Amino acid sequence: DEMREGVLQGREEWLKTLLEPYAGSKI
């Protein structure tokens, strides 16, 4: 469970990088 949670957190951090170009968006 801890390993899976670590993988999930890692992918969530990757998703955050996808949003970096839209940092100033009102969405």
mmCIF file of all heavy atoms, coordinates in Angstrom:
data_MODEL
# 
_entry.id   MODEL 
# 
loop_
_atom_site.group_PDB 
_atom_site.id 
_atom_site.type_symbol 
_atom_site.label_atom_id 
_atom_site.label_alt_id 
_atom_site.label_comp_id 
_atom_site.label_asym_id 
_atom_site.label_entity_id 
_atom_site.label_seq_id 
_atom_site.pdbx_PDB_ins_code 
_atom_site.Cartn_x 
_atom_site.Cartn_y 
_atom_site.Cartn_z 
_atom_site.occupancy 
_atom_site.B_iso_or_equiv 
_atom_site.pdbx_formal_charge 
_atom_site.auth_seq_id 
_atom_site.auth_comp_id 
_atom_site.auth_asym_id 
_atom_site.auth_atom_id 
_atom_site.pdbx_PDB_model_num 
ATOM 1   N N   . ASP A 1 1  ? 0.835   -1.204 0.000   1.00 0.00 ? 1  ASP A N   1 
ATOM 2   C CA  . ASP A 1 1  ? 0.000   0.000  0.000   1.00 0.00 ? 1  ASP A CA  1 
ATOM 3   C C   . ASP A 1 1  ? 0.872   1.258  0.000   1.00 0.00 ? 1  ASP A C   1 
ATOM 4   O O   . ASP A 1 1  ? 0.566   2.239  -0.695  1.00 0.00 ? 1  ASP A O   1 
ATOM 5   C CB  . ASP A 1 1  ? -0.934  0.011  1.217   1.00 0.00 ? 1  ASP A CB  1 
ATOM 6   C CG  . ASP A 1 1  ? -2.032  -1.032 1.116   1.00 0.00 ? 1  ASP A CG  1 
ATOM 7   O OD1 . ASP A 1 1  ? -2.289  -1.492 -0.022  1.00 0.00 ? 1  ASP A OD1 1 
ATOM 8   O OD2 . ASP A 1 1  ? -2.620  -1.375 2.156   1.00 0.00 ? 1  ASP A OD2 1 
ATOM 9   N N   . GLU A 1 2  ? 1.927   1.229  0.794   1.00 0.00 ? 2  GLU A N   1 
ATOM 10  C CA  . GLU A 1 2  ? 2.832   2.377  0.848   1.00 0.00 ? 2  GLU A CA  1 
ATOM 11  C C   . GLU A 1 2  ? 3.524   2.597  -0.496  1.00 0.00 ? 2  GLU A C   1 
ATOM 12  O O   . GLU A 1 2  ? 3.693   3.742  -0.942  1.00 0.00 ? 2  GLU A O   1 
ATOM 13  C CB  . GLU A 1 2  ? 3.872   2.171  1.955   1.00 0.00 ? 2  GLU A CB  1 
ATOM 14  C CG  . GLU A 1 2  ? 3.291   2.239  3.363   1.00 0.00 ? 2  GLU A CG  1 
ATOM 15  C CD  . GLU A 1 2  ? 4.354   2.013  4.434   1.00 0.00 ? 2  GLU A CD  1 
ATOM 16  O OE1 . GLU A 1 2  ? 5.527   1.808  4.054   1.00 0.00 ? 2  GLU A OE1 1 
ATOM 17  O OE2 . GLU A 1 2  ? 4.009   2.034  5.633   1.00 0.00 ? 2  GLU A OE2 1 
ATOM 18  N N   . MET A 1 3  ? 3.911   1.517  -1.154  1.00 0.00 ? 3  MET A N   1 
ATOM 19  C CA  . MET A 1 3  ? 4.547   1.641  -2.460  1.00 0.00 ? 3  MET A CA  1 
ATOM 20  C C   . MET A 1 3  ? 3.580   2.235  -3.480  1.00 0.00 ? 3  MET A C   1 
ATOM 21  O O   . MET A 1 3  ? 3.950   3.116  -4.266  1.00 0.00 ? 3  MET A O   1 
ATOM 22  C CB  . MET A 1 3  ? 5.047   0.270  -2.938  1.00 0.00 ? 3  MET A CB  1 
ATOM 23  C CG  . MET A 1 3  ? 6.230   -0.269 -2.141  1.00 0.00 ? 3  MET A CG  1 
ATOM 24  S SD  . MET A 1 3  ? 6.786   -1.880 -2.743  1.00 0.00 ? 3  MET A SD  1 
ATOM 25  C CE  . MET A 1 3  ? 7.343   -1.455 -4.390  1.00 0.00 ? 3  MET A CE  1 
ATOM 26  N N   . ARG A 1 4  ? 2.346   1.751  -3.468  1.00 0.00 ? 4  ARG A N   1 
ATOM 27  C CA  . ARG A 1 4  ? 1.338   2.294  -4.391  1.00 0.00 ? 4  ARG A CA  1 
ATOM 28  C C   . ARG A 1 4  ? 1.098   3.764  -4.113  1.00 0.00 ? 4  ARG A C   1 
ATOM 29  O O   . ARG A 1 4  ? 0.983   4.577  -5.044  1.00 0.00 ? 4  ARG A O   1 
ATOM 30  C CB  . ARG A 1 4  ? 0.033   1.496  -4.260  1.00 0.00 ? 4  ARG A CB  1 
ATOM 31  C CG  . ARG A 1 4  ? 0.063   0.145  -4.944  1.00 0.00 ? 4  ARG A CG  1 
ATOM 32  C CD  . ARG A 1 4  ? -1.337  -0.399 -5.122  1.00 0.00 ? 4  ARG A CD  1 
ATOM 33  N NE  . ARG A 1 4  ? -1.974  -0.665 -3.828  1.00 0.00 ? 4  ARG A NE  1 
ATOM 34  C CZ  . ARG A 1 4  ? -1.948  -1.834 -3.216  1.00 0.00 ? 4  ARG A CZ  1 
ATOM 35  N NH1 . ARG A 1 4  ? -1.295  -2.861 -3.763  1.00 0.00 ? 4  ARG A NH1 1 
ATOM 36  N NH2 . ARG A 1 4  ? -2.548  -1.998 -2.058  1.00 0.00 ? 4  ARG A NH2 1 
ATOM 37  N N   . GLU A 1 5  ? 1.030   4.121  -2.826  1.00 0.00 ? 5  GLU A N   1 
ATOM 38  C CA  . GLU A 1 5  ? 0.803   5.517  -2.470  1.00 0.00 ? 5  GLU A CA  1 
ATOM 39  C C   . GLU A 1 5  ? 1.959   6.380  -2.952  1.00 0.00 ? 5  GLU A C   1 
ATOM 40  O O   . GLU A 1 5  ? 1.758   7.513  -3.407  1.00 0.00 ? 5  GLU A O   1 
ATOM 41  C CB  . GLU A 1 5  ? 0.641   5.640  -0.951  1.00 0.00 ? 5  GLU A CB  1 
ATOM 42  C CG  . GLU A 1 5  ? 0.252   7.037  -0.481  1.00 0.00 ? 5  GLU A CG  1 
ATOM 43  C CD  . GLU A 1 5  ? -1.092  7.485  -1.020  1.00 0.00 ? 5  GLU A CD  1 
ATOM 44  O OE1 . GLU A 1 5  ? -1.959  6.625  -1.262  1.00 0.00 ? 5  GLU A OE1 1 
ATOM 45  O OE2 . GLU A 1 5  ? -1.266  8.719  -1.215  1.00 0.00 ? 5  GLU A OE2 1 
ATOM 46  N N   . GLY A 1 6  ? 3.160   5.860  -2.881  1.00 0.00 ? 6  GLY A N   1 
ATOM 47  C CA  . GLY A 1 6  ? 4.311   6.610  -3.375  1.00 0.00 ? 6  GLY A CA  1 
ATOM 48  C C   . GLY A 1 6  ? 4.234   6.829  -4.877  1.00 0.00 ? 6  GLY A C   1 
ATOM 49  O O   . GLY A 1 6  ? 4.574   7.912  -5.381  1.00 0.00 ? 6  GLY A O   1 
ATOM 50  N N   . VAL A 1 7  ? 3.790   5.808  -5.596  1.00 0.00 ? 7  VAL A N   1 
ATOM 51  C CA  . VAL A 1 7  ? 3.632   5.945  -7.045  1.00 0.00 ? 7  VAL A CA  1 
ATOM 52  C C   . VAL A 1 7  ? 2.560   6.989  -7.362  1.00 0.00 ? 7  VAL A C   1 
ATOM 53  O O   . VAL A 1 7  ? 2.747   7.837  -8.244  1.00 0.00 ? 7  VAL A O   1 
ATOM 54  C CB  . VAL A 1 7  ? 3.262   4.583  -7.678  1.00 0.00 ? 7  VAL A CB  1 
ATOM 55  C CG1 . VAL A 1 7  ? 2.936   4.767  -9.164  1.00 0.00 ? 7  VAL A CG1 1 
ATOM 56  C CG2 . VAL A 1 7  ? 4.395   3.587  -7.509  1.00 0.00 ? 7  VAL A CG2 1 
ATOM 57  N N   . LEU A 1 8  ? 1.444   6.942  -6.648  1.00 0.00 ? 8  LEU A N   1 
ATOM 58  C CA  . LEU A 1 8  ? 0.362   7.901  -6.880  1.00 0.00 ? 8  LEU A CA  1 
ATOM 59  C C   . LEU A 1 8  ? 0.836   9.334  -6.626  1.00 0.00 ? 8  LEU A C   1 
ATOM 60  O O   . LEU A 1 8  ? 0.527   10.245 -7.398  1.00 0.00 ? 8  LEU A O   1 
ATOM 61  C CB  . LEU A 1 8  ? -0.836  7.568  -5.985  1.00 0.00 ? 8  LEU A CB  1 
ATOM 62  C CG  . LEU A 1 8  ? -1.568  6.255  -6.274  1.00 0.00 ? 8  LEU A CG  1 
ATOM 63  C CD1 . LEU A 1 8  ? -2.666  6.020  -5.250  1.00 0.00 ? 8  LEU A CD1 1 
ATOM 64  C CD2 . LEU A 1 8  ? -2.149  6.254  -7.680  1.00 0.00 ? 8  LEU A CD2 1 
ATOM 65  N N   . GLN A 1 9  ? 1.568   9.516  -5.550  1.00 0.00 ? 9  GLN A N   1 
ATOM 66  C CA  . GLN A 1 9  ? 2.067   10.857 -5.238  1.00 0.00 ? 9  GLN A CA  1 
ATOM 67  C C   . GLN A 1 9  ? 3.045   11.343 -6.304  1.00 0.00 ? 9  GLN A C   1 
ATOM 68  O O   . GLN A 1 9  ? 3.039   12.518 -6.684  1.00 0.00 ? 9  GLN A O   1 
ATOM 69  C CB  . GLN A 1 9  ? 2.726   10.858 -3.863  1.00 0.00 ? 9  GLN A CB  1 
ATOM 70  C CG  . GLN A 1 9  ? 1.743   10.686 -2.713  1.00 0.00 ? 9  GLN A CG  1 
ATOM 71  C CD  . GLN A 1 9  ? 2.441   10.689 -1.361  1.00 0.00 ? 9  GLN A CD  1 
ATOM 72  O OE1 . GLN A 1 9  ? 3.666   10.798 -1.265  1.00 0.00 ? 9  GLN A OE1 1 
ATOM 73  N NE2 . GLN A 1 9  ? 1.658   10.567 -0.296  1.00 0.00 ? 9  GLN A NE2 1 
ATOM 74  N N   . GLY A 1 10 ? 3.870   10.438 -6.801  1.00 0.00 ? 10 GLY A N   1 
ATOM 75  C CA  . GLY A 1 10 ? 4.818   10.803 -7.848  1.00 0.00 ? 10 GLY A CA  1 
ATOM 76  C C   . GLY A 1 10 ? 4.112   11.239 -9.119  1.00 0.00 ? 10 GLY A C   1 
ATOM 77  O O   . GLY A 1 10 ? 4.520   12.213 -9.765  1.00 0.00 ? 10 GLY A O   1 
ATOM 78  N N   . ARG A 1 11 ? 3.049   10.532 -9.495  1.00 0.00 ? 11 ARG A N   1 
ATOM 79  C CA  . ARG A 1 11 ? 2.299   10.901 -10.695 1.00 0.00 ? 11 ARG A CA  1 
ATOM 80  C C   . ARG A 1 11 ? 1.526   12.199 -10.497 1.00 0.00 ? 11 ARG A C   1 
ATOM 81  O O   . ARG A 1 11 ? 1.339   12.982 -11.432 1.00 0.00 ? 11 ARG A O   1 
ATOM 82  C CB  . ARG A 1 11 ? 1.333   9.772  -11.079 1.00 0.00 ? 11 ARG A CB  1 
ATOM 83  C CG  . ARG A 1 11 ? 2.003   8.458  -11.349 1.00 0.00 ? 11 ARG A CG  1 
ATOM 84  C CD  . ARG A 1 11 ? 3.132   8.604  -12.374 1.00 0.00 ? 11 ARG A CD  1 
ATOM 85  N NE  . ARG A 1 11 ? 2.635   8.696  -13.741 1.00 0.00 ? 11 ARG A NE  1 
ATOM 86  C CZ  . ARG A 1 11 ? 3.369   8.994  -14.798 1.00 0.00 ? 11 ARG A CZ  1 
ATOM 87  N NH1 . ARG A 1 11 ? 4.659   9.238  -14.629 1.00 0.00 ? 11 ARG A NH1 1 
ATOM 88  N NH2 . ARG A 1 11 ? 2.834   9.041  -15.989 1.00 0.00 ? 11 ARG A NH2 1 
ATOM 89  N N   . GLU A 1 12 ? 1.090   12.445 -9.258  1.00 0.00 ? 12 GLU A N   1 
ATOM 90  C CA  . GLU A 1 12 ? 0.405   13.710 -8.987  1.00 0.00 ? 12 GLU A CA  1 
ATOM 91  C C   . GLU A 1 12 ? 1.365   14.880 -9.142  1.00 0.00 ? 12 GLU A C   1 
ATOM 92  O O   . GLU A 1 12 ? 0.986   15.942 -9.659  1.00 0.00 ? 12 GLU A O   1 
ATOM 93  C CB  . GLU A 1 12 ? -0.195  13.690 -7.583  1.00 0.00 ? 12 GLU A CB  1 
ATOM 94  C CG  . GLU A 1 12 ? -1.038  14.909 -7.258  1.00 0.00 ? 12 GLU A CG  1 
ATOM 95  C CD  . GLU A 1 12 ? -1.811  14.759 -5.977  1.00 0.00 ? 12 GLU A CD  1 
ATOM 96  O OE1 . GLU A 1 12 ? -2.398  13.682 -5.752  1.00 0.00 ? 12 GLU A OE1 1 
ATOM 97  O OE2 . GLU A 1 12 ? -1.825  15.734 -5.193  1.00 0.00 ? 12 GLU A OE2 1 
ATOM 98  N N   . GLU A 1 13 ? 2.604   14.689 -8.716  1.00 0.00 ? 13 GLU A N   1 
ATOM 99  C CA  . GLU A 1 13 ? 3.609   15.736 -8.904  1.00 0.00 ? 13 GLU A CA  1 
ATOM 100 C C   . GLU A 1 13 ? 3.859   15.980 -10.389 1.00 0.00 ? 13 GLU A C   1 
ATOM 101 O O   . GLU A 1 13 ? 4.069   17.122 -10.828 1.00 0.00 ? 13 GLU A O   1 
ATOM 102 C CB  . GLU A 1 13 ? 4.915   15.354 -8.195  1.00 0.00 ? 13 GLU A CB  1 
ATOM 103 C CG  . GLU A 1 13 ? 4.824   15.352 -6.676  1.00 0.00 ? 13 GLU A CG  1 
ATOM 104 C CD  . GLU A 1 13 ? 4.441   16.722 -6.130  1.00 0.00 ? 13 GLU A CD  1 
ATOM 105 O OE1 . GLU A 1 13 ? 5.018   17.736 -6.617  1.00 0.00 ? 13 GLU A OE1 1 
ATOM 106 O OE2 . GLU A 1 13 ? 3.581   16.776 -5.231  1.00 0.00 ? 13 GLU A OE2 1 
ATOM 107 N N   . TRP A 1 14 ? 3.814   14.915 -11.177 1.00 0.00 ? 14 TRP A N   1 
ATOM 108 C CA  . TRP A 1 14 ? 3.981   15.063 -12.630 1.00 0.00 ? 14 TRP A CA  1 
ATOM 109 C C   . TRP A 1 14 ? 2.824   15.854 -13.231 1.00 0.00 ? 14 TRP A C   1 
ATOM 110 O O   . TRP A 1 14 ? 3.024   16.711 -14.091 1.00 0.00 ? 14 TRP A O   1 
ATOM 111 C CB  . TRP A 1 14 ? 4.088   13.688 -13.273 1.00 0.00 ? 14 TRP A CB  1 
ATOM 112 C CG  . TRP A 1 14 ? 4.099   13.746 -14.778 1.00 0.00 ? 14 TRP A CG  1 
ATOM 113 C CD1 . TRP A 1 14 ? 5.076   14.267 -15.574 1.00 0.00 ? 14 TRP A CD1 1 
ATOM 114 C CD2 . TRP A 1 14 ? 3.081   13.273 -15.654 1.00 0.00 ? 14 TRP A CD2 1 
ATOM 115 N NE1 . TRP A 1 14 ? 4.728   14.161 -16.901 1.00 0.00 ? 14 TRP A NE1 1 
ATOM 116 C CE2 . TRP A 1 14 ? 3.515   13.544 -16.978 1.00 0.00 ? 14 TRP A CE2 1 
ATOM 117 C CE3 . TRP A 1 14 ? 1.856   12.636 -15.464 1.00 0.00 ? 14 TRP A CE3 1 
ATOM 118 C CZ2 . TRP A 1 14 ? 2.745   13.200 -18.095 1.00 0.00 ? 14 TRP A CZ2 1 
ATOM 119 C CZ3 . TRP A 1 14 ? 1.099   12.286 -16.573 1.00 0.00 ? 14 TRP A CZ3 1 
ATOM 120 C CH2 . TRP A 1 14 ? 1.543   12.575 -17.865 1.00 0.00 ? 14 TRP A CH2 1 
ATOM 121 N N   . LEU A 1 15 ? 1.609   15.603 -12.742 1.00 0.00 ? 15 LEU A N   1 
ATOM 122 C CA  . LEU A 1 15 ? 0.453   16.358 -13.236 1.00 0.00 ? 15 LEU A CA  1 
ATOM 123 C C   . LEU A 1 15 ? 0.612   17.849 -12.965 1.00 0.00 ? 15 LEU A C   1 
ATOM 124 O O   . LEU A 1 15 ? 0.218   18.685 -13.776 1.00 0.00 ? 15 LEU A O   1 
ATOM 125 C CB  . LEU A 1 15 ? -0.839  15.847 -12.592 1.00 0.00 ? 15 LEU A CB  1 
ATOM 126 C CG  . LEU A 1 15 ? -1.319  14.442 -12.989 1.00 0.00 ? 15 LEU A CG  1 
ATOM 127 C CD1 . LEU A 1 15 ? -2.653  14.138 -12.320 1.00 0.00 ? 15 LEU A CD1 1 
ATOM 128 C CD2 . LEU A 1 15 ? -1.436  14.304 -14.495 1.00 0.00 ? 15 LEU A CD2 1 
ATOM 129 N N   . LYS A 1 16 ? 1.198   18.164 -11.829 1.00 0.00 ? 16 LYS A N   1 
ATOM 130 C CA  . LYS A 1 16 ? 1.401   19.573 -11.491 1.00 0.00 ? 16 LYS A CA  1 
ATOM 131 C C   . LYS A 1 16 ? 2.321   20.248 -12.499 1.00 0.00 ? 16 LYS A C   1 
ATOM 132 O O   . LYS A 1 16 ? 2.139   21.425 -12.829 1.00 0.00 ? 16 LYS A O   1 
ATOM 133 C CB  . LYS A 1 16 ? 1.977   19.703 -10.079 1.00 0.00 ? 16 LYS A CB  1 
ATOM 134 C CG  . LYS A 1 16 ? 1.002   19.312 -8.975  1.00 0.00 ? 16 LYS A CG  1 
ATOM 135 C CD  . LYS A 1 16 ? 1.656   19.436 -7.601  1.00 0.00 ? 16 LYS A CD  1 
ATOM 136 C CE  . LYS A 1 16 ? 0.685   19.014 -6.498  1.00 0.00 ? 16 LYS A CE  1 
ATOM 137 N NZ  . LYS A 1 16 ? 1.327   19.096 -5.146  1.00 0.00 ? 16 LYS A NZ  1 
ATOM 138 N N   . THR A 1 17 ? 3.288   19.509 -13.013 1.00 0.00 ? 17 THR A N   1 
ATOM 139 C CA  . THR A 1 17 ? 4.192   20.101 -14.006 1.00 0.00 ? 17 THR A CA  1 
ATOM 140 C C   . THR A 1 17 ? 3.453   20.403 -15.311 1.00 0.00 ? 17 THR A C   1 
ATOM 141 O O   . THR A 1 17 ? 3.835   21.322 -16.036 1.00 0.00 ? 17 THR A O   1 
ATOM 142 C CB  . THR A 1 17 ? 5.382   19.169 -14.298 1.00 0.00 ? 17 THR A CB  1 
ATOM 143 O OG1 . THR A 1 17 ? 4.918   17.974 -14.939 1.00 0.00 ? 17 THR A OG1 1 
ATOM 144 C CG2 . THR A 1 17 ? 6.115   18.812 -13.019 1.00 0.00 ? 17 THR A CG2 1 
ATOM 145 N N   . LEU A 1 18 ? 2.410   19.640 -15.613 1.00 0.00 ? 18 LEU A N   1 
ATOM 146 C CA  . LEU A 1 18 ? 1.631   19.897 -16.826 1.00 0.00 ? 18 LEU A CA  1 
ATOM 147 C C   . LEU A 1 18 ? 0.872   21.216 -16.746 1.00 0.00 ? 18 LEU A C   1 
ATOM 148 O O   . LEU A 1 18 ? 0.535   21.822 -17.768 1.00 0.00 ? 18 LEU A O   1 
ATOM 149 C CB  . LEU A 1 18 ? 0.633   18.753 -17.077 1.00 0.00 ? 18 LEU A CB  1 
ATOM 150 C CG  . LEU A 1 18 ? 1.211   17.358 -17.306 1.00 0.00 ? 18 LEU A CG  1 
ATOM 151 C CD1 . LEU A 1 18 ? 0.081   16.356 -17.536 1.00 0.00 ? 18 LEU A CD1 1 
ATOM 152 C CD2 . LEU A 1 18 ? 2.168   17.358 -18.490 1.00 0.00 ? 18 LEU A CD2 1 
ATOM 153 N N   . LEU A 1 19 ? 0.616   21.662 -15.520 1.00 0.00 ? 19 LEU A N   1 
ATOM 154 C CA  . LEU A 1 19 ? -0.153  22.898 -15.318 1.00 0.00 ? 19 LEU A CA  1 
ATOM 155 C C   . LEU A 1 19 ? 0.730   24.136 -15.217 1.00 0.00 ? 19 LEU A C   1 
ATOM 156 O O   . LEU A 1 19 ? 0.204   25.251 -15.148 1.00 0.00 ? 19 LEU A O   1 
ATOM 157 C CB  . LEU A 1 19 ? -1.002  22.774 -14.049 1.00 0.00 ? 19 LEU A CB  1 
ATOM 158 C CG  . LEU A 1 19 ? -2.115  21.717 -14.101 1.00 0.00 ? 19 LEU A CG  1 
ATOM 159 C CD1 . LEU A 1 19 ? -2.821  21.635 -12.752 1.00 0.00 ? 19 LEU A CD1 1 
ATOM 160 C CD2 . LEU A 1 19 ? -3.118  22.035 -15.204 1.00 0.00 ? 19 LEU A CD2 1 
ATOM 161 N N   . GLU A 1 20 ? 2.029   23.960 -15.191 1.00 0.00 ? 20 GLU A N   1 
ATOM 162 C CA  . GLU A 1 20 ? 2.927   25.107 -15.035 1.00 0.00 ? 20 GLU A CA  1 
ATOM 163 C C   . GLU A 1 20 ? 2.735   26.168 -16.115 1.00 0.00 ? 20 GLU A C   1 
ATOM 164 O O   . GLU A 1 20 ? 2.762   27.371 -15.806 1.00 0.00 ? 20 GLU A O   1 
ATOM 165 C CB  . GLU A 1 20 ? 4.381   24.627 -14.996 1.00 0.00 ? 20 GLU A CB  1 
ATOM 166 C CG  . GLU A 1 20 ? 4.725   23.867 -13.720 1.00 0.00 ? 20 GLU A CG  1 
ATOM 167 C CD  . GLU A 1 20 ? 6.131   23.294 -13.748 1.00 0.00 ? 20 GLU A CD  1 
ATOM 168 O OE1 . GLU A 1 20 ? 6.801   23.459 -14.801 1.00 0.00 ? 20 GLU A OE1 1 
ATOM 169 O OE2 . GLU A 1 20 ? 6.564   22.703 -12.748 1.00 0.00 ? 20 GLU A OE2 1 
ATOM 170 N N   . PRO A 1 21 ? 2.499   25.797 -17.387 1.00 0.00 ? 21 PRO A N   1 
ATOM 171 C CA  . PRO A 1 21 ? 2.295   26.840 -18.403 1.00 0.00 ? 21 PRO A CA  1 
ATOM 172 C C   . PRO A 1 21 ? 1.019   27.650 -18.193 1.00 0.00 ? 21 PRO A C   1 
ATOM 173 O O   . PRO A 1 21 ? 0.860   28.707 -18.795 1.00 0.00 ? 21 PRO A O   1 
ATOM 174 C CB  . PRO A 1 21 ? 2.224   26.038 -19.716 1.00 0.00 ? 21 PRO A CB  1 
ATOM 175 C CG  . PRO A 1 21 ? 2.904   24.753 -19.425 1.00 0.00 ? 21 PRO A CG  1 
ATOM 176 C CD  . PRO A 1 21 ? 2.598   24.457 -17.995 1.00 0.00 ? 21 PRO A CD  1 
ATOM 177 N N   . TYR A 1 22 ? 0.114   27.162 -17.336 1.00 0.00 ? 22 TYR A N   1 
ATOM 178 C CA  . TYR A 1 22 ? -1.171  27.833 -17.137 1.00 0.00 ? 22 TYR A CA  1 
ATOM 179 C C   . TYR A 1 22 ? -1.260  28.435 -15.734 1.00 0.00 ? 22 TYR A C   1 
ATOM 180 O O   . TYR A 1 22 ? -2.346  28.591 -15.178 1.00 0.00 ? 22 TYR A O   1 
ATOM 181 C CB  . TYR A 1 22 ? -2.318  26.847 -17.352 1.00 0.00 ? 22 TYR A CB  1 
ATOM 182 C CG  . TYR A 1 22 ? -2.170  26.055 -18.632 1.00 0.00 ? 22 TYR A CG  1 
ATOM 183 C CD1 . TYR A 1 22 ? -1.714  24.729 -18.608 1.00 0.00 ? 22 TYR A CD1 1 
ATOM 184 C CD2 . TYR A 1 22 ? -2.461  26.622 -19.865 1.00 0.00 ? 22 TYR A CD2 1 
ATOM 185 C CE1 . TYR A 1 22 ? -1.573  23.998 -19.779 1.00 0.00 ? 22 TYR A CE1 1 
ATOM 186 C CE2 . TYR A 1 22 ? -2.326  25.899 -21.045 1.00 0.00 ? 22 TYR A CE2 1 
ATOM 187 C CZ  . TYR A 1 22 ? -1.882  24.592 -20.987 1.00 0.00 ? 22 TYR A CZ  1 
ATOM 188 O OH  . TYR A 1 22 ? -1.734  23.873 -22.152 1.00 0.00 ? 22 TYR A OH  1 
ATOM 189 N N   . ALA A 1 23 ? -0.120  28.795 -15.175 1.00 0.00 ? 23 ALA A N   1 
ATOM 190 C CA  . ALA A 1 23 ? -0.070  29.282 -13.794 1.00 0.00 ? 23 ALA A CA  1 
ATOM 191 C C   . ALA A 1 23 ? -0.924  30.523 -13.589 1.00 0.00 ? 23 ALA A C   1 
ATOM 192 O O   . ALA A 1 23 ? -1.489  30.730 -12.519 1.00 0.00 ? 23 ALA A O   1 
ATOM 193 C CB  . ALA A 1 23 ? 1.378   29.558 -13.394 1.00 0.00 ? 23 ALA A CB  1 
ATOM 194 N N   . GLY A 1 24 ? -1.039  31.378 -14.598 1.00 0.00 ? 24 GLY A N   1 
ATOM 195 C CA  . GLY A 1 24 ? -1.806  32.610 -14.439 1.00 0.00 ? 24 GLY A CA  1 
ATOM 196 C C   . GLY A 1 24 ? -3.259  32.498 -14.828 1.00 0.00 ? 24 GLY A C   1 
ATOM 197 O O   . GLY A 1 24 ? -3.988  33.494 -14.839 1.00 0.00 ? 24 GLY A O   1 
ATOM 198 N N   . SER A 1 25 ? -3.714  31.303 -15.137 1.00 0.00 ? 25 SER A N   1 
ATOM 199 C CA  . SER A 1 25 ? -5.082  31.108 -15.598 1.00 0.00 ? 25 SER A CA  1 
ATOM 200 C C   . SER A 1 25 ? -6.090  31.293 -14.462 1.00 0.00 ? 25 SER A C   1 
ATOM 201 O O   . SER A 1 25 ? -5.805  31.014 -13.292 1.00 0.00 ? 25 SER A O   1 
ATOM 202 C CB  . SER A 1 25 ? -5.244  29.707 -16.202 1.00 0.00 ? 25 SER A CB  1 
ATOM 203 O OG  . SER A 1 25 ? -6.581  29.454 -16.522 1.00 0.00 ? 25 SER A OG  1 
ATOM 204 N N   . LYS A 1 26 ? -7.282  31.760 -14.823 1.00 0.00 ? 26 LYS A N   1 
ATOM 205 C CA  . LYS A 1 26 ? -8.361  31.922 -13.842 1.00 0.00 ? 26 LYS A CA  1 
ATOM 206 C C   . LYS A 1 26 ? -9.151  30.626 -13.655 1.00 0.00 ? 26 LYS A C   1 
ATOM 207 O O   . LYS A 1 26 ? -10.045 30.561 -12.812 1.00 0.00 ? 26 LYS A O   1 
ATOM 208 C CB  . LYS A 1 26 ? -9.303  33.045 -14.284 1.00 0.00 ? 26 LYS A CB  1 
ATOM 209 C CG  . LYS A 1 26 ? -8.650  34.418 -14.326 1.00 0.00 ? 26 LYS A CG  1 
ATOM 210 C CD  . LYS A 1 26 ? -9.654  35.479 -14.741 1.00 0.00 ? 26 LYS A CD  1 
ATOM 211 C CE  . LYS A 1 26 ? -8.995  36.855 -14.784 1.00 0.00 ? 26 LYS A CE  1 
ATOM 212 N NZ  . LYS A 1 26 ? -9.955  37.910 -15.199 1.00 0.00 ? 26 LYS A NZ  1 
ATOM 213 N N   . ILE A 1 27 ? -8.819  29.622 -14.439 1.00 0.00 ? 27 ILE A N   1 
ATOM 214 C CA  . ILE A 1 27 ? -9.508  28.346 -14.337 1.00 0.00 ? 27 ILE A CA  1 
ATOM 215 C C   . ILE A 1 27 ? -9.081  27.620 -13.065 1.00 0.00 ? 27 ILE A C   1 
ATOM 216 O O   . ILE A 1 27 ? -7.912  27.627 -12.693 1.00 0.00 ? 27 ILE A O   1 
ATOM 217 C CB  . ILE A 1 27 ? -9.194  27.465 -15.567 1.00 0.00 ? 27 ILE A CB  1 
ATOM 218 C CG1 . ILE A 1 27 ? -9.644  28.172 -16.849 1.00 0.00 ? 27 ILE A CG1 1 
ATOM 219 C CG2 . ILE A 1 27 ? -9.858  26.100 -15.451 1.00 0.00 ? 27 ILE A CG2 1 
ATOM 220 C CD1 . ILE A 1 27 ? -9.166  27.491 -18.114 1.00 0.00 ? 27 ILE A CD1 1 
# 
